[in-house]
Amino acid sequence: MRDDGEWFAPKRFGLGAGRPIAWQGWALIAGFIAVTAIAAFFLGEHHRPLFIIVVVIGALALSVISAKHTRGGWKWRWGGEE
């Protein structure tokens, strides 16, 4: 595992981040899953709009952080080597 600010490998095709390559990336994904699960447990059926807001904010935070920590940044890739 590396500690040079890159938490995710780039996707081979398309736009976005690929799999985590550092413990911070795995922790970020685990945190998102934990927040979503906890919100689902406590908010459940009765507070669906609040649950949706929590999940959307979490997904936006996950996207922004992973974009900043993806090797080579987010750009469209066609499958070639960089």
N, C-alpha and C. Protein backbone atom coordinates (compact mmCIF):
# COMPACT_ATOMS: atom_id res chain seq x y z
N MET A 1 0.84 -1.17 0.00
CA MET A 1 0.00 0.00 0.00
C MET A 1 0.89 1.24 0.00
N ARG A 2 0.39 2.25 -0.73
CA ARG A 2 1.18 3.48 -0.87
C ARG A 2 0.58 4.59 -0.03
N ASP A 3 1.37 5.59 0.28
CA ASP A 3 0.88 6.73 1.03
C ASP A 3 1.32 8.02 0.35
N ASP A 4 0.94 8.18 -0.92
CA ASP A 4 1.33 9.37 -1.68
C ASP A 4 0.14 10.24 -2.07
N GLY A 5 -1.00 10.09 -1.39
CA GLY A 5 -2.17 10.88 -1.67
C GLY A 5 -3.11 10.24 -2.67
N GLU A 6 -2.72 9.12 -3.25
CA GLU A 6 -3.58 8.42 -4.19
C GLU A 6 -4.26 7.27 -3.48
N TRP A 7 -5.57 7.34 -3.37
CA TRP A 7 -6.33 6.33 -2.65
C TRP A 7 -7.02 5.36 -3.58
N PHE A 8 -7.22 5.77 -4.85
CA PHE A 8 -7.95 4.95 -5.80
C PHE A 8 -7.19 4.85 -7.11
N ALA A 9 -7.28 3.69 -7.74
CA ALA A 9 -6.74 3.52 -9.08
C ALA A 9 -7.75 4.10 -10.06
N PRO A 10 -7.30 4.57 -11.22
CA PRO A 10 -8.27 5.08 -12.19
C PRO A 10 -9.04 3.93 -12.84
N LYS A 11 -10.25 4.23 -13.29
CA LYS A 11 -11.01 3.23 -14.04
C LYS A 11 -10.33 3.04 -15.39
N ARG A 12 -10.40 1.86 -15.91
CA ARG A 12 -9.79 1.60 -17.21
C ARG A 12 -10.65 2.15 -18.35
N PHE A 13 -11.96 2.04 -18.20
CA PHE A 13 -12.90 2.57 -19.18
C PHE A 13 -13.85 3.53 -18.48
N GLY A 14 -14.11 4.67 -19.07
CA GLY A 14 -15.09 5.60 -18.54
C GLY A 14 -14.50 6.64 -17.61
N LEU A 15 -15.37 7.22 -16.81
CA LEU A 15 -15.02 8.33 -15.93
C LEU A 15 -15.18 7.89 -14.48
N GLY A 16 -14.24 8.26 -13.64
CA GLY A 16 -14.40 7.99 -12.21
C GLY A 16 -13.23 7.24 -11.62
N ALA A 17 -13.45 6.80 -10.39
CA ALA A 17 -12.43 6.08 -9.64
C ALA A 17 -12.66 4.58 -9.75
N GLY A 18 -11.57 3.84 -9.73
CA GLY A 18 -11.65 2.39 -9.72
C GLY A 18 -11.58 1.86 -8.30
N ARG A 19 -10.88 0.76 -8.13
CA ARG A 19 -10.81 0.14 -6.81
C ARG A 19 -9.84 0.90 -5.91
N PRO A 20 -10.04 0.81 -4.60
CA PRO A 20 -9.12 1.46 -3.65
C PRO A 20 -7.74 0.80 -3.71
N ILE A 21 -6.69 1.62 -3.61
CA ILE A 21 -5.32 1.10 -3.59
C ILE A 21 -4.59 1.46 -2.30
N ALA A 22 -5.28 2.14 -1.40
CA ALA A 22 -4.70 2.51 -0.11
C ALA A 22 -5.74 2.30 0.98
N TRP A 23 -5.28 2.21 2.20
CA TRP A 23 -6.21 1.96 3.30
C TRP A 23 -7.22 3.09 3.45
N GLN A 24 -6.81 4.31 3.08
CA GLN A 24 -7.73 5.45 3.19
C GLN A 24 -8.94 5.28 2.26
N GLY A 25 -8.70 4.74 1.07
CA GLY A 25 -9.80 4.50 0.14
C GLY A 25 -10.77 3.47 0.68
N TRP A 26 -10.21 2.39 1.23
CA TRP A 26 -11.07 1.36 1.83
C TRP A 26 -11.84 1.92 3.02
N ALA A 27 -11.19 2.76 3.82
CA ALA A 27 -11.86 3.37 4.98
C ALA A 27 -12.96 4.32 4.53
N LEU A 28 -12.74 5.05 3.45
CA LEU A 28 -13.76 5.96 2.93
C LEU A 28 -14.99 5.18 2.48
N ILE A 29 -14.79 4.11 1.76
CA ILE A 29 -15.92 3.29 1.30
C ILE A 29 -16.63 2.64 2.49
N ALA A 30 -15.86 2.12 3.45
CA ALA A 30 -16.46 1.51 4.64
C ALA A 30 -17.27 2.54 5.43
N GLY A 31 -16.76 3.75 5.52
CA GLY A 31 -17.48 4.81 6.21
C GLY A 31 -18.79 5.16 5.52
N PHE A 32 -18.77 5.22 4.20
CA PHE A 32 -20.00 5.50 3.46
C PHE A 32 -21.03 4.39 3.68
N ILE A 33 -20.58 3.15 3.62
CA ILE A 33 -21.49 2.03 3.84
C ILE A 33 -22.03 2.06 5.26
N ALA A 34 -21.19 2.37 6.24
CA ALA A 34 -21.63 2.43 7.63
C ALA A 34 -22.65 3.54 7.85
N VAL A 35 -22.39 4.72 7.29
CA VAL A 35 -23.33 5.83 7.44
C VAL A 35 -24.67 5.48 6.81
N THR A 36 -24.64 4.86 5.63
CA THR A 36 -25.87 4.48 4.95
C THR A 36 -26.64 3.43 5.76
N ALA A 37 -25.93 2.44 6.28
CA ALA A 37 -26.59 1.39 7.07
C ALA A 37 -27.17 1.94 8.36
N ILE A 38 -26.43 2.81 9.03
CA ILE A 38 -26.93 3.40 10.27
C ILE A 38 -28.14 4.28 10.00
N ALA A 39 -28.07 5.06 8.93
CA ALA A 39 -29.22 5.91 8.57
C ALA A 39 -30.43 5.05 8.24
N ALA A 40 -30.23 3.95 7.53
CA ALA A 40 -31.35 3.06 7.18
C ALA A 40 -31.96 2.45 8.44
N PHE A 41 -31.11 2.08 9.38
CA PHE A 41 -31.59 1.46 10.61
C PHE A 41 -32.40 2.45 11.46
N PHE A 42 -31.85 3.67 11.64
CA PHE A 42 -32.50 4.62 12.53
C PHE A 42 -33.62 5.42 11.87
N LEU A 43 -33.50 5.68 10.58
CA LEU A 43 -34.51 6.49 9.91
C LEU A 43 -35.60 5.63 9.29
N GLY A 44 -35.19 4.52 8.68
CA GLY A 44 -36.13 3.54 8.16
C GLY A 44 -37.25 4.09 7.31
N GLU A 45 -38.42 3.46 7.46
CA GLU A 45 -39.59 3.79 6.65
C GLU A 45 -40.22 5.13 7.03
N HIS A 46 -40.09 5.52 8.27
CA HIS A 46 -40.83 6.68 8.76
C HIS A 46 -40.22 8.02 8.36
N HIS A 47 -38.94 8.04 8.04
CA HIS A 47 -38.25 9.29 7.70
C HIS A 47 -37.53 9.15 6.37
N ARG A 48 -38.24 8.64 5.37
CA ARG A 48 -37.64 8.37 4.07
C ARG A 48 -36.98 9.62 3.44
N PRO A 49 -37.61 10.82 3.45
CA PRO A 49 -36.95 11.99 2.84
C PRO A 49 -35.61 12.33 3.51
N LEU A 50 -35.56 12.22 4.82
CA LEU A 50 -34.31 12.48 5.53
C LEU A 50 -33.26 11.43 5.18
N PHE A 51 -33.68 10.18 5.07
CA PHE A 51 -32.75 9.11 4.67
C PHE A 51 -32.17 9.39 3.29
N ILE A 52 -33.01 9.80 2.36
CA ILE A 52 -32.54 10.11 1.00
C ILE A 52 -31.54 11.26 1.03
N ILE A 53 -31.81 12.27 1.84
CA ILE A 53 -30.89 13.41 1.95
C ILE A 53 -29.54 12.95 2.49
N VAL A 54 -29.55 12.10 3.52
CA VAL A 54 -28.30 11.60 4.10
C VAL A 54 -27.51 10.81 3.06
N VAL A 55 -28.17 9.95 2.30
CA VAL A 55 -27.49 9.13 1.30
C VAL A 55 -26.94 10.00 0.17
N VAL A 56 -27.69 10.98 -0.29
CA VAL A 56 -27.23 11.86 -1.37
C VAL A 56 -26.02 12.67 -0.92
N ILE A 57 -26.07 13.23 0.27
CA ILE A 57 -24.93 14.00 0.78
C ILE A 57 -23.71 13.10 0.95
N GLY A 58 -23.92 11.89 1.44
CA GLY A 58 -22.80 10.94 1.57
C GLY A 58 -22.21 10.55 0.23
N ALA A 59 -23.06 10.34 -0.77
CA ALA A 59 -22.57 9.98 -2.10
C ALA A 59 -21.81 11.14 -2.74
N LEU A 60 -22.30 12.35 -2.55
CA LEU A 60 -21.58 13.52 -3.08
C LEU A 60 -20.21 13.67 -2.41
N ALA A 61 -20.17 13.49 -1.10
CA ALA A 61 -18.90 13.57 -0.38
C ALA A 61 -17.94 12.47 -0.85
N LEU A 62 -18.45 11.27 -1.01
CA LEU A 62 -17.64 10.16 -1.52
C LEU A 62 -17.09 10.48 -2.91
N SER A 63 -17.92 11.04 -3.77
CA SER A 63 -17.49 11.38 -5.13
C SER A 63 -16.42 12.46 -5.14
N VAL A 64 -16.62 13.52 -4.37
CA VAL A 64 -15.66 14.62 -4.34
C VAL A 64 -14.31 14.16 -3.78
N ILE A 65 -14.35 13.42 -2.69
CA ILE A 65 -13.10 12.97 -2.06
C ILE A 65 -12.38 11.98 -2.97
N SER A 66 -13.11 11.04 -3.57
CA SER A 66 -12.45 10.07 -4.44
C SER A 66 -11.92 10.73 -5.71
N ALA A 67 -12.58 11.77 -6.19
CA ALA A 67 -12.08 12.49 -7.37
C ALA A 67 -10.74 13.16 -7.07
N LYS A 68 -10.60 13.68 -5.86
CA LYS A 68 -9.36 14.36 -5.48
C LYS A 68 -8.21 13.38 -5.21
N HIS A 69 -8.55 12.12 -4.94
CA HIS A 69 -7.52 11.15 -4.56
C HIS A 69 -7.42 9.97 -5.52
N THR A 70 -7.79 10.18 -6.77
CA THR A 70 -7.64 9.14 -7.79
C THR A 70 -6.37 9.41 -8.59
N ARG A 71 -5.59 8.38 -8.80
CA ARG A 71 -4.35 8.50 -9.56
C ARG A 71 -4.66 9.04 -10.96
N GLY A 72 -4.11 10.20 -11.29
CA GLY A 72 -4.34 10.82 -12.59
C GLY A 72 -5.63 11.61 -12.69
N GLY A 73 -6.38 11.68 -11.61
CA GLY A 73 -7.63 12.43 -11.61
C GLY A 73 -8.73 11.74 -12.38
N TRP A 74 -9.88 12.36 -12.38
CA TRP A 74 -11.02 11.83 -13.12
C TRP A 74 -11.00 12.40 -14.52
N LYS A 75 -10.91 11.56 -15.48
CA LYS A 75 -11.04 11.94 -16.88
C LYS A 75 -11.52 10.72 -17.65
N TRP A 76 -12.07 10.95 -18.82
CA TRP A 76 -12.58 9.85 -19.62
C TRP A 76 -11.43 8.97 -20.10
N ARG A 77 -11.55 7.69 -19.91
CA ARG A 77 -10.51 6.76 -20.35
C ARG A 77 -11.12 5.74 -21.32
N TRP A 78 -10.35 5.38 -22.33
CA TRP A 78 -10.81 4.48 -23.37
C TRP A 78 -10.19 3.10 -23.26
N GLY A 79 -9.47 2.80 -22.22
CA GLY A 79 -8.91 1.46 -22.03
C GLY A 79 -7.43 1.37 -22.34
N GLY A 80 -6.81 2.42 -22.82
CA GLY A 80 -5.39 2.39 -23.14
C GLY A 80 -4.53 2.59 -21.90
N GLU A 81 -3.29 2.31 -22.04
CA GLU A 81 -2.34 2.52 -20.94
C GLU A 81 -1.97 3.99 -20.85
N GLU A 82 -1.76 4.47 -19.63
CA GLU A 82 -1.35 5.86 -19.45
C GLU A 82 0.11 5.93 -19.11
